[in-house]
Amino acid sequence: MVWFNVRAEYGFMKRQDTDLDIFVHRQAIVKPNPQHLQRSLGNDQTVEFSLSGTPKGPDARDVMGPAGAAVQGSAYARRSPTVWQCQPRDQGCSEEVSTIVERCIAEAKAFCGGD
């Protein structure tokens, strides 16, 4: 992996056997990090993929970690709500804050489509 921009949802990588830049879009990642809301790749991460040719150049498809594992993902990708460390209401969270957190989690799940 050369670089991946989480906000733009794409990046470029190089194969080990050539200096050719290969475009990779977040939708090509088939084994995302389950702790991240966004599909992404970490810089300098080793991945496995197949190639698809386009008029603009080669595209990566079916991107996954080594041996079919989930990718590491970018350090800048949003983390899944289940990974966040939240305090229970009886330990200092006000009702208003807890309601906001619950709504955000529900919206994130709806936005990701269970992904």
PDB file of N, CA and C in Angstrom:
ATOM      1  N   MET A   1       0.851  -1.176   0.000  1.00  0.00           N
ATOM      2  CA  MET A   1       0.000   0.000   0.000  1.00  0.00           C
ATOM      3  C   MET A   1       0.890   1.230   0.000  1.00  0.00           C
ATOM      4  N   VAL A   2       0.675   2.116  -0.945  1.00  0.00           N
ATOM      5  CA  VAL A   2       1.431   3.364  -0.984  1.00  0.00           C
ATOM      6  C   VAL A   2       0.727   4.404  -0.114  1.00  0.00           C
ATOM      7  N   TRP A   3      -0.544   4.660  -0.382  1.00  0.00           N
ATOM      8  CA  TRP A   3      -1.332   5.551   0.472  1.00  0.00           C
ATOM      9  C   TRP A   3      -2.814   5.315   0.240  1.00  0.00           C
ATOM     10  N   PHE A   4      -3.625   5.665   1.256  1.00  0.00           N
ATOM     11  CA  PHE A   4      -5.078   5.552   1.165  1.00  0.00           C
ATOM     12  C   PHE A   4      -5.678   6.733   1.901  1.00  0.00           C
ATOM     13  N   ASN A   5      -6.527   7.503   1.219  1.00  0.00           N
ATOM     14  CA  ASN A   5      -7.185   8.655   1.812  1.00  0.00           C
ATOM     15  C   ASN A   5      -8.571   8.229   2.295  1.00  0.00           C
ATOM     16  N   VAL A   6      -8.771   8.193   3.600  1.00  0.00           N
ATOM     17  CA  VAL A   6     -10.038   7.729   4.174  1.00  0.00           C
ATOM     18  C   VAL A   6     -11.181   8.635   3.756  1.00  0.00           C
ATOM     19  N   ARG A   7     -10.947   9.927   3.767  1.00  0.00           N
ATOM     20  CA  ARG A   7     -12.015  10.880   3.422  1.00  0.00           C
ATOM     21  C   ARG A   7     -12.440  10.760   1.961  1.00  0.00           C
ATOM     22  N   ALA A   8     -11.467  10.612   1.062  1.00  0.00           N
ATOM     23  CA  ALA A   8     -11.769  10.490  -0.365  1.00  0.00           C
ATOM     24  C   ALA A   8     -12.173   9.063  -0.743  1.00  0.00           C
ATOM     25  N   GLU A   9     -11.907   8.109   0.124  1.00  0.00           N
ATOM     26  CA  GLU A   9     -12.296   6.704  -0.030  1.00  0.00           C
ATOM     27  C   GLU A   9     -11.546   5.979  -1.145  1.00  0.00           C
ATOM     28  N   TYR A  10     -10.329   6.390  -1.438  1.00  0.00           N
ATOM     29  CA  TYR A  10      -9.522   5.684  -2.423  1.00  0.00           C
ATOM     30  C   TYR A  10      -8.041   5.878  -2.127  1.00  0.00           C
ATOM     31  N   GLY A  11      -7.227   5.114  -2.811  1.00  0.00           N
ATOM     32  CA  GLY A  11      -5.789   5.240  -2.668  1.00  0.00           C
ATOM     33  C   GLY A  11      -5.079   4.541  -3.807  1.00  0.00           C
ATOM     34  N   PHE A  12      -3.777   4.426  -3.690  1.00  0.00           N
ATOM     35  CA  PHE A  12      -2.955   3.754  -4.684  1.00  0.00           C
ATOM     36  C   PHE A  12      -1.985   2.821  -3.990  1.00  0.00           C
ATOM     37  N   MET A  13      -1.691   1.727  -4.647  1.00  0.00           N
ATOM     38  CA  MET A  13      -0.723   0.778  -4.121  1.00  0.00           C
ATOM     39  C   MET A  13       0.157   0.287  -5.251  1.00  0.00           C
ATOM     40  N   LYS A  14       1.240  -0.372  -4.893  1.00  0.00           N
ATOM     41  CA  LYS A  14       2.167  -0.941  -5.876  1.00  0.00           C
ATOM     42  C   LYS A  14       2.255  -2.442  -5.651  1.00  0.00           C
ATOM     43  N   ARG A  15       2.399  -3.150  -6.748  1.00  0.00           N
ATOM     44  CA  ARG A  15       2.659  -4.590  -6.646  1.00  0.00           C
ATOM     45  C   ARG A  15       4.118  -4.782  -6.257  1.00  0.00           C
ATOM     46  N   GLN A  16       4.414  -5.921  -5.685  1.00  0.00           N
ATOM     47  CA  GLN A  16       5.798  -6.189  -5.288  1.00  0.00           C
ATOM     48  C   GLN A  16       6.698  -6.440  -6.496  1.00  0.00           C
ATOM     49  N   ASP A  17       6.118  -6.867  -7.609  1.00  0.00           N
ATOM     50  CA  ASP A  17       6.929  -7.217  -8.774  1.00  0.00           C
ATOM     51  C   ASP A  17       7.029  -6.123  -9.839  1.00  0.00           C
ATOM     52  N   THR A  18       6.290  -5.020  -9.702  1.00  0.00           N
ATOM     53  CA  THR A  18       6.356  -3.921 -10.677  1.00  0.00           C
ATOM     54  C   THR A  18       6.277  -2.586  -9.954  1.00  0.00           C
ATOM     55  N   ASP A  19       6.572  -1.505 -10.682  1.00  0.00           N
ATOM     56  CA  ASP A  19       6.440  -0.155 -10.129  1.00  0.00           C
ATOM     57  C   ASP A  19       5.137   0.508 -10.560  1.00  0.00           C
ATOM     58  N   LEU A  20       4.212  -0.259 -11.107  1.00  0.00           N
ATOM     59  CA  LEU A  20       2.955   0.263 -11.614  1.00  0.00           C
ATOM     60  C   LEU A  20       2.023   0.648 -10.460  1.00  0.00           C
ATOM     61  N   ASP A  21       1.480   1.878 -10.495  1.00  0.00           N
ATOM     62  CA  ASP A  21       0.503   2.308  -9.495  1.00  0.00           C
ATOM     63  C   ASP A  21      -0.844   1.665  -9.795  1.00  0.00           C
ATOM     64  N   ILE A  22      -1.487   1.136  -8.764  1.00  0.00           N
ATOM     65  CA  ILE A  22      -2.786   0.480  -8.907  1.00  0.00           C
ATOM     66  C   ILE A  22      -3.799   1.214  -8.055  1.00  0.00           C
ATOM     67  N   PHE A  23      -4.876   1.657  -8.675  1.00  0.00           N
ATOM     68  CA  PHE A  23      -5.940   2.367  -7.982  1.00  0.00           C
ATOM     69  C   PHE A  23      -6.752   1.382  -7.137  1.00  0.00           C
ATOM     70  N   VAL A  24      -7.123   1.801  -5.924  1.00  0.00           N
ATOM     71  CA  VAL A  24      -7.984   0.975  -5.073  1.00  0.00           C
ATOM     72  C   VAL A  24      -9.049   1.867  -4.437  1.00  0.00           C
ATOM     73  N   HIS A  25     -10.310   1.482  -4.606  1.00  0.00           N
ATOM     74  CA  HIS A  25     -11.441   2.191  -4.019  1.00  0.00           C
ATOM     75  C   HIS A  25     -11.925   1.395  -2.814  1.00  0.00           C
ATOM     76  N   ARG A  26     -12.543   2.049  -1.858  1.00  0.00           N
ATOM     77  CA  ARG A  26     -12.988   1.371  -0.637  1.00  0.00           C
ATOM     78  C   ARG A  26     -13.959   0.233  -0.933  1.00  0.00           C
ATOM     79  N   GLN A  27     -14.742   0.326  -2.011  1.00  0.00           N
ATOM     80  CA  GLN A  27     -15.693  -0.729  -2.345  1.00  0.00           C
ATOM     81  C   GLN A  27     -15.008  -2.009  -2.803  1.00  0.00           C
ATOM     82  N   ALA A  28     -13.725  -1.925  -3.156  1.00  0.00           N
ATOM     83  CA  ALA A  28     -12.987  -3.114  -3.575  1.00  0.00           C
ATOM     84  C   ALA A  28     -12.508  -3.940  -2.383  1.00  0.00           C
ATOM     85  N   ILE A  29     -12.605  -3.384  -1.182  1.00  0.00           N
ATOM     86  CA  ILE A  29     -12.140  -4.085   0.018  1.00  0.00           C
ATOM     87  C   ILE A  29     -13.234  -5.062   0.455  1.00  0.00           C
ATOM     88  N   VAL A  30     -12.963  -6.351   0.326  1.00  0.00           N
ATOM     89  CA  VAL A  30     -13.972  -7.367   0.642  1.00  0.00           C
ATOM     90  C   VAL A  30     -13.852  -7.897   2.068  1.00  0.00           C
ATOM     91  N   LYS A  31     -12.730  -7.677   2.717  1.00  0.00           N
ATOM     92  CA  LYS A  31     -12.525  -8.109   4.100  1.00  0.00           C
ATOM     93  C   LYS A  31     -12.093  -6.903   4.936  1.00  0.00           C
ATOM     94  N   PRO A  32     -13.038  -5.971   5.262  1.00  0.00           N
ATOM     95  CA  PRO A  32     -12.659  -4.783   6.022  1.00  0.00           C
ATOM     96  C   PRO A  32     -12.391  -5.119   7.494  1.00  0.00           C
ATOM     97  N   ASN A  33     -11.739  -4.216   8.162  1.00  0.00           N
ATOM     98  CA  ASN A  33     -11.509  -4.353   9.594  1.00  0.00           C
ATOM     99  C   ASN A  33     -12.860  -4.236  10.297  1.00  0.00           C
ATOM    100  N   PRO A  34     -13.300  -5.234  11.047  1.00  0.00           N
ATOM    101  CA  PRO A  34     -14.623  -5.191  11.672  1.00  0.00           C
ATOM    102  C   PRO A  34     -14.746  -4.133  12.768  1.00  0.00           C
ATOM    103  N   GLN A  35     -13.628  -3.573  13.214  1.00  0.00           N
ATOM    104  CA  GLN A  35     -13.672  -2.546  14.250  1.00  0.00           C
ATOM    105  C   GLN A  35     -13.785  -1.143  13.679  1.00  0.00           C
ATOM    106  N   HIS A  36     -13.842  -1.032  12.353  1.00  0.00           N
ATOM    107  CA  HIS A  36     -13.949   0.278  11.705  1.00  0.00           C
ATOM    108  C   HIS A  36     -15.286   0.415  10.995  1.00  0.00           C
ATOM    109  N   LEU A  37     -15.855   1.624  11.029  1.00  0.00           N
ATOM    110  CA  LEU A  37     -17.094   1.903  10.289  1.00  0.00           C
ATOM    111  C   LEU A  37     -16.819   2.045   8.797  1.00  0.00           C
ATOM    112  N   GLN A  38     -15.639   2.543   8.451  1.00  0.00           N
ATOM    113  CA  GLN A  38     -15.297   2.787   7.057  1.00  0.00           C
ATOM    114  C   GLN A  38     -14.329   1.727   6.549  1.00  0.00           C
ATOM    115  N   ARG A  39     -14.528   1.311   5.316  1.00  0.00           N
ATOM    116  CA  ARG A  39     -13.556   0.430   4.681  1.00  0.00           C
ATOM    117  C   ARG A  39     -12.353   1.272   4.310  1.00  0.00           C
ATOM    118  N   SER A  40     -11.178   0.820   4.688  1.00  0.00           N
ATOM    119  CA  SER A  40      -9.962   1.572   4.407  1.00  0.00           C
ATOM    120  C   SER A  40      -8.771   0.627   4.461  1.00  0.00           C
ATOM    121  N   LEU A  41      -7.624   1.146   4.054  1.00  0.00           N
ATOM    122  CA  LEU A  41      -6.379   0.390   4.102  1.00  0.00           C
ATOM    123  C   LEU A  41      -5.339   1.208   4.849  1.00  0.00           C
ATOM    124  N   GLY A  42      -4.504   0.529   5.593  1.00  0.00           N
ATOM    125  CA  GLY A  42      -3.421   1.198   6.299  1.00  0.00           C
ATOM    126  C   GLY A  42      -2.232   1.418   5.370  1.00  0.00           C
ATOM    127  N   ASN A  43      -1.523   2.516   5.588  1.00  0.00           N
ATOM    128  CA  ASN A  43      -0.323   2.778   4.789  1.00  0.00           C
ATOM    129  C   ASN A  43       0.704   1.692   5.066  1.00  0.00           C
ATOM    130  N   ASP A  44       1.409   1.281   4.056  1.00  0.00           N
ATOM    131  CA  ASP A  44       2.442   0.239   4.134  1.00  0.00           C
ATOM    132  C   ASP A  44       1.882  -1.120   4.544  1.00  0.00           C
ATOM    133  N   GLN A  45       0.594  -1.336   4.371  1.00  0.00           N
ATOM    134  CA  GLN A  45      -0.023  -2.618   4.680  1.00  0.00           C
ATOM    135  C   GLN A  45       0.123  -3.563   3.494  1.00  0.00           C
ATOM    136  N   THR A  46       0.374  -4.832   3.756  1.00  0.00           N
ATOM    137  CA  THR A  46       0.439  -5.844   2.710  1.00  0.00           C
ATOM    138  C   THR A  46      -0.962  -6.417   2.516  1.00  0.00           C
ATOM    139  N   VAL A  47      -1.409  -6.466   1.265  1.00  0.00           N
ATOM    140  CA  VAL A  47      -2.744  -6.985   0.960  1.00  0.00           C
ATOM    141  C   VAL A  47      -2.673  -7.932  -0.237  1.00  0.00           C
ATOM    142  N   GLU A  48      -3.731  -8.715  -0.396  1.00  0.00           N
ATOM    143  CA  GLU A  48      -3.900  -9.554  -1.578  1.00  0.00           C
ATOM    144  C   GLU A  48      -5.064  -8.988  -2.376  1.00  0.00           C
ATOM    145  N   PHE A  49      -4.980  -9.065  -3.699  1.00  0.00           N
ATOM    146  CA  PHE A  49      -6.031  -8.496  -4.539  1.00  0.00           C
ATOM    147  C   PHE A  49      -5.950  -9.095  -5.938  1.00  0.00           C
ATOM    148  N   SER A  50      -7.003  -8.885  -6.699  1.00  0.00           N
ATOM    149  CA  SER A  50      -6.979  -9.228  -8.117  1.00  0.00           C
ATOM    150  C   SER A  50      -7.030  -7.920  -8.905  1.00  0.00           C
ATOM    151  N   LEU A  51      -6.654  -7.988 -10.166  1.00  0.00           N
ATOM    152  CA  LEU A  51      -6.587  -6.784 -10.997  1.00  0.00           C
ATOM    153  C   LEU A  51      -7.711  -6.743 -12.014  1.00  0.00           C
ATOM    154  N   SER A  52      -8.141  -5.533 -12.302  1.00  0.00           N
ATOM    155  CA  SER A  52      -9.132  -5.281 -13.333  1.00  0.00           C
ATOM    156  C   SER A  52      -8.609  -4.117 -14.162  1.00  0.00           C
ATOM    157  N   GLY A  53      -8.635  -4.242 -15.460  1.00  0.00           N
ATOM    158  CA  GLY A  53      -8.159  -3.169 -16.327  1.00  0.00           C
ATOM    159  C   GLY A  53      -9.259  -2.175 -16.644  1.00  0.00           C
ATOM    160  N   THR A  54      -8.931  -0.899 -16.639  1.00  0.00           N
ATOM    161  CA  THR A  54      -9.852   0.166 -17.022  1.00  0.00           C
ATOM    162  C   THR A  54      -9.123   1.086 -18.000  1.00  0.00           C
ATOM    163  N   PRO A  55      -9.853   1.958 -18.687  1.00  0.00           N
ATOM    164  CA  PRO A  55      -9.179   2.896 -19.598  1.00  0.00           C
ATOM    165  C   PRO A  55      -8.164   3.792 -18.883  1.00  0.00           C
ATOM    166  N   LYS A  56      -8.372   4.050 -17.580  1.00  0.00           N
ATOM    167  CA  LYS A  56      -7.454   4.911 -16.831  1.00  0.00           C
ATOM    168  C   LYS A  56      -6.272   4.144 -16.252  1.00  0.00           C
ATOM    169  N   GLY A  57      -6.332   2.819 -16.267  1.00  0.00           N
ATOM    170  CA  GLY A  57      -5.244   2.020 -15.710  1.00  0.00           C
ATOM    171  C   GLY A  57      -5.795   0.881 -14.867  1.00  0.00           C
ATOM    172  N   PRO A  58      -4.916   0.132 -14.219  1.00  0.00           N
ATOM    173  CA  PRO A  58      -5.375  -1.022 -13.441  1.00  0.00           C
ATOM    174  C   PRO A  58      -6.089  -0.631 -12.147  1.00  0.00           C
ATOM    175  N   ASP A  59      -7.133  -1.382 -11.825  1.00  0.00           N
ATOM    176  CA  ASP A  59      -7.879  -1.216 -10.569  1.00  0.00           C
ATOM    177  C   ASP A  59      -7.725  -2.486  -9.753  1.00  0.00           C
ATOM    178  N   ALA A  60      -7.645  -2.325  -8.440  1.00  0.00           N
ATOM    179  CA  ALA A  60      -7.613  -3.479  -7.546  1.00  0.00           C
ATOM    180  C   ALA A  60      -9.049  -3.920  -7.267  1.00  0.00           C
ATOM    181  N   ARG A  61      -9.255  -5.222  -7.203  1.00  0.00           N
ATOM    182  CA  ARG A  61     -10.558  -5.816  -6.875  1.00  0.00           C
ATOM    183  C   ARG A  61     -10.328  -6.879  -5.807  1.00  0.00           C
ATOM    184  N   ASP A  62     -11.360  -7.205  -5.058  1.00  0.00           N
ATOM    185  CA  ASP A  62     -11.300  -8.284  -4.062  1.00  0.00           C
ATOM    186  C   ASP A  62     -10.107  -8.122  -3.115  1.00  0.00           C
ATOM    187  N   VAL A  63      -9.979  -6.937  -2.533  1.00  0.00           N
ATOM    188  CA  VAL A  63      -8.850  -6.635  -1.650  1.00  0.00           C
ATOM    189  C   VAL A  63      -9.097  -7.225  -0.261  1.00  0.00           C
ATOM    190  N   MET A  64      -8.092  -7.922   0.251  1.00  0.00           N
ATOM    191  CA  MET A  64      -8.162  -8.501   1.601  1.00  0.00           C
ATOM    192  C   MET A  64      -6.755  -8.595   2.162  1.00  0.00           C
ATOM    193  N   GLY A  65      -6.669  -8.893   3.430  1.00  0.00           N
ATOM    194  CA  GLY A  65      -5.366  -9.056   4.066  1.00  0.00           C
ATOM    195  C   GLY A  65      -4.702 -10.346   3.625  1.00  0.00           C
ATOM    196  N   PRO A  66      -3.471 -10.567   4.065  1.00  0.00           N
ATOM    197  CA  PRO A  66      -2.760 -11.795   3.714  1.00  0.00           C
ATOM    198  C   PRO A  66      -3.537 -13.046   4.133  1.00  0.00           C
ATOM    199  N   ALA A  67      -3.538 -14.047   3.290  1.00  0.00           N
ATOM    200  CA  ALA A  67      -4.206 -15.338   3.544  1.00  0.00           C
ATOM    201  C   ALA A  67      -5.713 -15.179   3.779  1.00  0.00           C
ATOM    202  N   GLY A  68      -6.306 -14.153   3.159  1.00  0.00           N
ATOM    203  CA  GLY A  68      -7.753 -13.975   3.254  1.00  0.00           C
ATOM    204  C   GLY A  68      -8.242 -13.331   4.535  1.00  0.00           C
ATOM    205  N   ALA A  69      -7.349 -12.816   5.338  1.00  0.00           N
ATOM    206  CA  ALA A  69      -7.730 -12.161   6.601  1.00  0.00           C
ATOM    207  C   ALA A  69      -8.301 -10.769   6.331  1.00  0.00           C
ATOM    208  N   ALA A  70      -8.906 -10.194   7.354  1.00  0.00           N
ATOM    209  CA  ALA A  70      -9.397  -8.819   7.256  1.00  0.00           C
ATOM    210  C   ALA A  70      -8.202  -7.867   7.146  1.00  0.00           C
ATOM    211  N   VAL A  71      -8.398  -6.752   6.445  1.00  0.00           N
ATOM    212  CA  VAL A  71      -7.334  -5.751   6.330  1.00  0.00           C
ATOM    213  C   VAL A  71      -7.175  -5.025   7.662  1.00  0.00           C
ATOM    214  N   GLN A  72      -6.027  -4.445   7.843  1.00  0.00           N
ATOM    215  CA  GLN A  72      -5.739  -3.694   9.062  1.00  0.00           C
ATOM    216  C   GLN A  72      -6.568  -2.410   9.116  1.00  0.00           C
ATOM    217  N   GLY A  73      -6.717  -1.744   8.008  1.00  0.00           N
ATOM    218  CA  GLY A  73      -7.461  -0.487   7.963  1.00  0.00           C
ATOM    219  C   GLY A  73      -6.605   0.690   8.387  1.00  0.00           C
ATOM    220  N   SER A  74      -7.054   1.876   8.022  1.00  0.00           N
ATOM    221  CA  SER A  74      -6.327   3.098   8.334  1.00  0.00           C
ATOM    222  C   SER A  74      -6.504   3.493   9.796  1.00  0.00           C
ATOM    223  N   ALA A  75      -5.480   4.083  10.348  1.00  0.00           N
ATOM    224  CA  ALA A  75      -5.567   4.612  11.714  1.00  0.00           C
ATOM    225  C   ALA A  75      -6.530   5.789  11.774  1.00  0.00           C
ATOM    226  N   TYR A  76      -6.866   6.372  10.621  1.00  0.00           N
ATOM    227  CA  TYR A  76      -7.744   7.532  10.568  1.00  0.00           C
ATOM    228  C   TYR A  76      -9.215   7.170  10.301  1.00  0.00           C
ATOM    229  N   ALA A  77      -9.503   5.897  10.094  1.00  0.00           N
ATOM    230  CA  ALA A  77     -10.886   5.477   9.839  1.00  0.00           C
ATOM    231  C   ALA A  77     -11.695   5.537  11.130  1.00  0.00           C
ATOM    232  N   ARG A  78     -12.975   5.900  10.979  1.00  0.00           N
ATOM    233  CA  ARG A  78     -13.850   5.937  12.155  1.00  0.00           C
ATOM    234  C   ARG A  78     -14.015   4.535  12.706  1.00  0.00           C
ATOM    235  N   ARG A  79     -13.985   4.443  14.020  1.00  0.00           N
ATOM    236  CA  ARG A  79     -14.134   3.157  14.680  1.00  0.00           C
ATOM    237  C   ARG A  79     -15.601   2.837  14.895  1.00  0.00           C
ATOM    238  N   SER A  80     -15.896   1.569  14.967  1.00  0.00           N
ATOM    239  CA  SER A  80     -17.256   1.095  15.177  1.00  0.00           C
ATOM    240  C   SER A  80     -17.750   1.501  16.563  1.00  0.00           C
ATOM    241  N   PRO A  81     -19.036   1.838  16.699  1.00  0.00           N
ATOM    242  CA  PRO A  81     -19.563   2.227  18.012  1.00  0.00           C
ATOM    243  C   PRO A  81     -19.373   1.138  19.068  1.00  0.00           C
ATOM    244  N   THR A  82     -19.317  -0.104  18.685  1.00  0.00           N
ATOM    245  CA  THR A  82     -19.144  -1.176  19.664  1.00  0.00           C
ATOM    246  C   THR A  82     -17.744  -1.165  20.252  1.00  0.00           C
ATOM    247  N   VAL A  83     -16.819  -0.427  19.629  1.00  0.00           N
ATOM    248  CA  VAL A  83     -15.452  -0.349  20.125  1.00  0.00           C
ATOM    249  C   VAL A  83     -15.277   0.842  21.060  1.00  0.00           C
ATOM    250  N   TRP A  84     -16.143   1.842  20.952  1.00  0.00           N
ATOM    251  CA  TRP A  84     -16.029   3.021  21.802  1.00  0.00           C
ATOM    252  C   TRP A  84     -16.159   2.632  23.262  1.00  0.00           C
ATOM    253  N   GLN A  85     -15.451   3.321  24.110  1.00  0.00           N
ATOM    254  CA  GLN A  85     -15.550   3.096  25.554  1.00  0.00           C
ATOM    255  C   GLN A  85     -16.543   4.098  26.118  1.00  0.00           C
ATOM    256  N   CYS A  86     -17.703   3.644  26.531  1.00  0.00           N
ATOM    257  CA  CYS A  86     -18.759   4.514  27.061  1.00  0.00           C
ATOM    258  C   CYS A  86     -18.960   4.236  28.540  1.00  0.00           C
ATOM    259  N   GLN A  87     -19.302   5.290  29.275  1.00  0.00           N
ATOM    260  CA  GLN A  87     -19.638   5.132  30.685  1.00  0.00           C
ATOM    261  C   GLN A  87     -21.122   4.830  30.816  1.00  0.00           C
ATOM    262  N   PRO A  88     -21.503   3.942  31.728  1.00  0.00           N
ATOM    263  CA  PRO A  88     -22.927   3.729  31.991  1.00  0.00           C
ATOM    264  C   PRO A  88     -23.549   5.005  32.570  1.00  0.00           C
ATOM    265  N   ARG A  89     -24.848   5.164  32.421  1.00  0.00           N
ATOM    266  CA  ARG A  89     -25.541   6.372  32.884  1.00  0.00           C
ATOM    267  C   ARG A  89     -25.319   6.634  34.372  1.00  0.00           C
ATOM    268  N   ASP A  90     -25.260   5.578  35.173  1.00  0.00           N
ATOM    269  CA  ASP A  90     -25.136   5.793  36.614  1.00  0.00           C
ATOM    270  C   ASP A  90     -23.709   6.161  37.033  1.00  0.00           C
ATOM    271  N   GLN A  91     -22.795   6.294  36.079  1.00  0.00           N
ATOM    272  CA  GLN A  91     -21.429   6.686  36.403  1.00  0.00           C
ATOM    273  C   GLN A  91     -21.077   8.050  35.818  1.00  0.00           C
ATOM    274  N   GLY A  92     -22.048   8.918  35.685  1.00  0.00           N
ATOM    275  CA  GLY A  92     -21.738  10.285  35.302  1.00  0.00           C
ATOM    276  C   GLY A  92     -22.320  10.768  33.993  1.00  0.00           C
ATOM    277  N   CYS A  93     -22.828   9.903  33.124  1.00  0.00           N
ATOM    278  CA  CYS A  93     -23.430  10.377  31.877  1.00  0.00           C
ATOM    279  C   CYS A  93     -24.819  10.934  32.171  1.00  0.00           C
ATOM    280  N   SER A  94     -25.106  12.081  31.603  1.00  0.00           N
ATOM    281  CA  SER A  94     -26.449  12.620  31.769  1.00  0.00           C
ATOM    282  C   SER A  94     -27.394  11.897  30.809  1.00  0.00           C
ATOM    283  N   GLU A  95     -28.675  11.980  31.059  1.00  0.00           N
ATOM    284  CA  GLU A  95     -29.670  11.345  30.187  1.00  0.00           C
ATOM    285  C   GLU A  95     -29.548  11.878  28.769  1.00  0.00           C
ATOM    286  N   GLU A  96     -29.312  13.189  28.650  1.00  0.00           N
ATOM    287  CA  GLU A  96     -29.221  13.797  27.320  1.00  0.00           C
ATOM    288  C   GLU A  96     -28.049  13.219  26.524  1.00  0.00           C
ATOM    289  N   VAL A  97     -26.879  13.091  27.138  1.00  0.00           N
ATOM    290  CA  VAL A  97     -25.709  12.559  26.453  1.00  0.00           C
ATOM    291  C   VAL A  97     -25.947  11.102  26.059  1.00  0.00           C
ATOM    292  N   SER A  98     -26.515  10.312  26.958  1.00  0.00           N
ATOM    293  CA  SER A  98     -26.779   8.902  26.660  1.00  0.00           C
ATOM    294  C   SER A  98     -27.745   8.762  25.497  1.00  0.00           C
ATOM    295  N   THR A  99     -28.755   9.614  25.435  1.00  0.00           N
ATOM    296  CA  THR A  99     -29.723   9.582  24.338  1.00  0.00           C
ATOM    297  C   THR A  99     -29.038   9.914  23.018  1.00  0.00           C
ATOM    298  N   ILE A 100     -28.149  10.885  23.036  1.00  0.00           N
ATOM    299  CA  ILE A 100     -27.423  11.270  21.829  1.00  0.00           C
ATOM    300  C   ILE A 100     -26.538  10.113  21.364  1.00  0.00           C
ATOM    301  N   VAL A 101     -25.851   9.465  22.291  1.00  0.00           N
ATOM    302  CA  VAL A 101     -24.982   8.339  21.946  1.00  0.00           C
ATOM    303  C   VAL A 101     -25.799   7.205  21.341  1.00  0.00           C
ATOM    304  N   GLU A 102     -26.938   6.878  21.933  1.00  0.00           N
ATOM    305  CA  GLU A 102     -27.792   5.806  21.412  1.00  0.00           C
ATOM    306  C   GLU A 102     -28.277   6.133  20.005  1.00  0.00           C
ATOM    307  N   ARG A 103     -28.657   7.387  19.771  1.00  0.00           N
ATOM    308  CA  ARG A 103     -29.119   7.796  18.441  1.00  0.00           C
ATOM    309  C   ARG A 103     -27.978   7.707  17.414  1.00  0.00           C
ATOM    310  N   CYS A 104     -26.783   8.124  17.801  1.00  0.00           N
ATOM    311  CA  CYS A 104     -25.632   8.051  16.894  1.00  0.00           C
ATOM    312  C   CYS A 104     -25.313   6.605  16.516  1.00  0.00           C
ATOM    313  N   ILE A 105     -25.375   5.716  17.476  1.00  0.00           N
ATOM    314  CA  ILE A 105     -25.106   4.301  17.200  1.00  0.00           C
ATOM    315  C   ILE A 105     -26.142   3.751  16.236  1.00  0.00           C
ATOM    316  N   ALA A 106     -27.424   4.072  16.455  1.00  0.00           N
ATOM    317  CA  ALA A 106     -28.487   3.597  15.567  1.00  0.00           C
ATOM    318  C   ALA A 106     -28.307   4.149  14.156  1.00  0.00           C
ATOM    319  N   GLU A 107     -27.957   5.441  14.051  1.00  0.00           N
ATOM    320  CA  GLU A 107     -27.744   6.043  12.735  1.00  0.00           C
ATOM    321  C   GLU A 107     -26.539   5.434  12.031  1.00  0.00           C
ATOM    322  N   ALA A 108     -25.471   5.147  12.777  1.00  0.00           N
ATOM    323  CA  ALA A 108     -24.287   4.529  12.173  1.00  0.00           C
ATOM    324  C   ALA A 108     -24.595   3.150  11.644  1.00  0.00           C
ATOM    325  N   LYS A 109     -25.356   2.368  12.397  1.00  0.00           N
ATOM    326  CA  LYS A 109     -25.733   1.039  11.942  1.00  0.00           C
ATOM    327  C   LYS A 109     -26.609   1.116  10.698  1.00  0.00           C
ATOM    328  N   ALA A 110     -27.560   2.064  10.664  1.00  0.00           N
ATOM    329  CA  ALA A 110     -28.428   2.226   9.509  1.00  0.00           C
ATOM    330  C   ALA A 110     -27.626   2.679   8.284  1.00  0.00           C
ATOM    331  N   PHE A 111     -26.680   3.585   8.498  1.00  0.00           N
ATOM    332  CA  PHE A 111     -25.870   4.103   7.394  1.00  0.00           C
ATOM    333  C   PHE A 111     -25.001   3.012   6.794  1.00  0.00           C
ATOM    334  N   CYS A 112     -24.441   2.164   7.632  1.00  0.00           N
ATOM    335  CA  CYS A 112     -23.542   1.104   7.158  1.00  0.00           C
ATOM    336  C   CYS A 112     -24.286  -0.098   6.624  1.00  0.00           C
ATOM    337  N   GLY A 113     -25.584  -0.166   6.837  1.00  0.00           N
ATOM    338  CA  GLY A 113     -26.352  -1.300   6.351  1.00  0.00           C
ATOM    339  C   GLY A 113     -25.914  -2.617   6.960  1.00  0.00           C
ATOM    340  N   GLY A 114     -25.492  -2.564   8.229  1.00  0.00           N
ATOM    341  CA  GLY A 114     -25.072  -3.787   8.903  1.00  0.00           C
ATOM    342  C   GLY A 114     -23.694  -4.228   8.496  1.00  0.00           C
ATOM    343  N   ASP A 115     -22.945  -3.364   7.814  1.00  0.00           N
ATOM    344  CA  ASP A 115     -21.605  -3.674   7.297  1.00  0.00           C
ATOM    345  C   ASP A 115     -20.569  -3.581   8.393  1.00  0.00           C
TER     346      ASP A 115
END
